[in-house]
């Protein structure tokens, strides 16, 4: 057995746990990015919905103002 075989064997043993850890970290980052995008989408939907409600209230107020003026 050569010295390089021993080194590569040990390197593989030492890198393997770190590799698993890096894979988990990368997986967490991807999931975190997906959650951020979903949060932004929901936030946009909520803002759109509140804008719609606000516009409805303005239209109702305008309708009553117009009918009171007649």
C-alpha atoms as a PDB file:
ATOM      1  CA  UNK A   1       0.000   0.000   0.000  1.00  0.00           C
ATOM      2  CA  UNK A   2       1.369   3.370  -0.983  1.00  0.00           C
ATOM      3  CA  UNK A   3       1.502   6.468   1.188  1.00  0.00           C
ATOM      4  CA  UNK A   4      -0.871   8.276  -1.179  1.00  0.00           C
ATOM      5  CA  UNK A   5      -3.442   5.494  -0.787  1.00  0.00           C
ATOM      6  CA  UNK A   6      -3.355   5.936   2.961  1.00  0.00           C
ATOM      7  CA  UNK A   7      -3.706   9.699   2.660  1.00  0.00           C
ATOM      8  CA  UNK A   8      -6.589   9.506   0.223  1.00  0.00           C
ATOM      9  CA  UNK A   9      -8.306   6.955   2.458  1.00  0.00           C
ATOM     10  CA  UNK A  10      -8.015   9.174   5.504  1.00  0.00           C
ATOM     11  CA  UNK A  11      -8.933  12.260   3.539  1.00  0.00           C
ATOM     12  CA  UNK A  12     -12.091  10.503   2.393  1.00  0.00           C
ATOM     13  CA  UNK A  13     -12.964   9.630   5.977  1.00  0.00           C
ATOM     14  CA  UNK A  14     -12.396  13.180   7.190  1.00  0.00           C
ATOM     15  CA  UNK A  15     -14.125  14.891   4.256  1.00  0.00           C
ATOM     16  CA  UNK A  16     -17.188  12.689   4.329  1.00  0.00           C
ATOM     17  CA  UNK A  17     -18.741  14.170   7.519  1.00  0.00           C
ATOM     18  CA  UNK A  18     -17.953  17.684   6.295  1.00  0.00           C
ATOM     19  CA  UNK A  19     -19.453  16.861   2.926  1.00  0.00           C
ATOM     20  CA  UNK A  20     -22.674  15.726   4.612  1.00  0.00           C
ATOM     21  CA  UNK A  21     -22.711  18.869   6.706  1.00  0.00           C
ATOM     22  CA  UNK A  22     -22.159  21.070   3.652  1.00  0.00           C
ATOM     23  CA  UNK A  23     -24.966  19.252   1.842  1.00  0.00           C
ATOM     24  CA  UNK A  24     -27.305  19.913   4.772  1.00  0.00           C
ATOM     25  CA  UNK A  25     -26.282  23.583   4.901  1.00  0.00           C
ATOM     26  CA  UNK A  26     -26.892  23.970   1.164  1.00  0.00           C
ATOM     27  CA  UNK A  27     -30.241  22.198   1.486  1.00  0.00           C
ATOM     28  CA  UNK A  28     -31.207  24.556   4.307  1.00  0.00           C
ATOM     29  CA  UNK A  29     -30.164  27.579   2.225  1.00  0.00           C
ATOM     30  CA  UNK A  30     -32.294  26.424  -0.718  1.00  0.00           C
ATOM     31  CA  UNK A  31     -35.301  25.825   1.540  1.00  0.00           C
ATOM     32  CA  UNK A  32     -34.752  29.212   3.156  1.00  0.00           C
ATOM     33  CA  UNK A  33     -34.698  30.909  -0.246  1.00  0.00           C
ATOM     34  CA  UNK A  34     -37.937  29.137  -1.213  1.00  0.00           C
ATOM     35  CA  UNK A  35     -39.568  30.294   2.027  1.00  0.00           C
ATOM     36  CA  UNK A  36     -38.399  33.866   1.369  1.00  0.00           C
ATOM     37  CA  UNK A  37     -39.935  33.808  -2.114  1.00  0.00           C
ATOM     38  CA  UNK A  38     -43.193  32.347  -0.780  1.00  0.00           C
ATOM     39  CA  UNK A  39     -43.265  34.992   1.962  1.00  0.00           C
ATOM     40  CA  UNK A  40     -42.753  37.763  -0.599  1.00  0.00           C
ATOM     41  CA  UNK A  41     -45.554  36.322  -2.753  1.00  0.00           C
ATOM     42  CA  UNK A  42     -47.908  36.178   0.224  1.00  0.00           C
ATOM     43  CA  UNK A  43     -46.920  39.665   1.265  1.00  0.00           C
ATOM     44  CA  UNK A  44     -47.665  40.944  -2.238  1.00  0.00           C
ATOM     45  CA  UNK A  45     -51.030  39.178  -2.211  1.00  0.00           C
ATOM     46  CA  UNK A  46     -51.907  40.711   1.147  1.00  0.00           C
ATOM     47  CA  UNK A  47     -50.913  44.165  -0.091  1.00  0.00           C
ATOM     48  CA  UNK A  48     -52.962  43.672  -3.255  1.00  0.00           C
ATOM     49  CA  UNK A  49     -55.951  42.529  -1.215  1.00  0.00           C
ATOM     50  CA  UNK A  50     -55.727  45.514   1.136  1.00  0.00           C
ATOM     51  CA  UNK A  51     -55.459  47.831  -1.875  1.00  0.00           C
ATOM     52  CA  UNK A  52     -58.590  46.233  -3.355  1.00  0.00           C
ATOM     53  CA  UNK A  53     -60.441  46.689  -0.050  1.00  0.00           C
ATOM     54  CA  UNK A  54     -59.298  50.285   0.149  1.00  0.00           C
ATOM     55  CA  UNK A  55     -60.490  50.931  -3.413  1.00  0.00           C
ATOM     56  CA  UNK A  56     -63.855  49.332  -2.598  1.00  0.00           C
ATOM     57  CA  UNK A  57     -64.288  51.598   0.405  1.00  0.00           C
ATOM     58  CA  UNK A  58     -63.419  54.650  -1.697  1.00  0.00           C
ATOM     59  CA  UNK A  59     -65.916  53.631  -4.374  1.00  0.00           C
ATOM     60  CA  UNK A  60     -68.646  53.103  -1.775  1.00  0.00           C
ATOM     61  CA  UNK A  61     -67.886  56.465  -0.166  1.00  0.00           C
ATOM     62  CA  UNK A  62     -67.891  58.133  -3.578  1.00  0.00           C
ATOM     63  CA  UNK A  63     -71.208  56.467  -4.458  1.00  0.00           C
ATOM     64  CA  UNK A  64     -72.859  57.722  -1.274  1.00  0.00           C
ATOM     65  CA  UNK A  65     -71.371  61.180  -1.766  1.00  0.00           C
ATOM     66  CA  UNK A  66     -72.771  61.255  -5.302  1.00  0.00           C
ATOM     67  CA  UNK A  67     -76.222  60.059  -4.201  1.00  0.00           C
ATOM     68  CA  UNK A  68     -76.316  62.607  -1.357  1.00  0.00           C
ATOM     69  CA  UNK A  69     -75.547  65.405  -3.816  1.00  0.00           C
ATOM     70  CA  UNK A  70     -78.473  64.468  -6.073  1.00  0.00           C
END
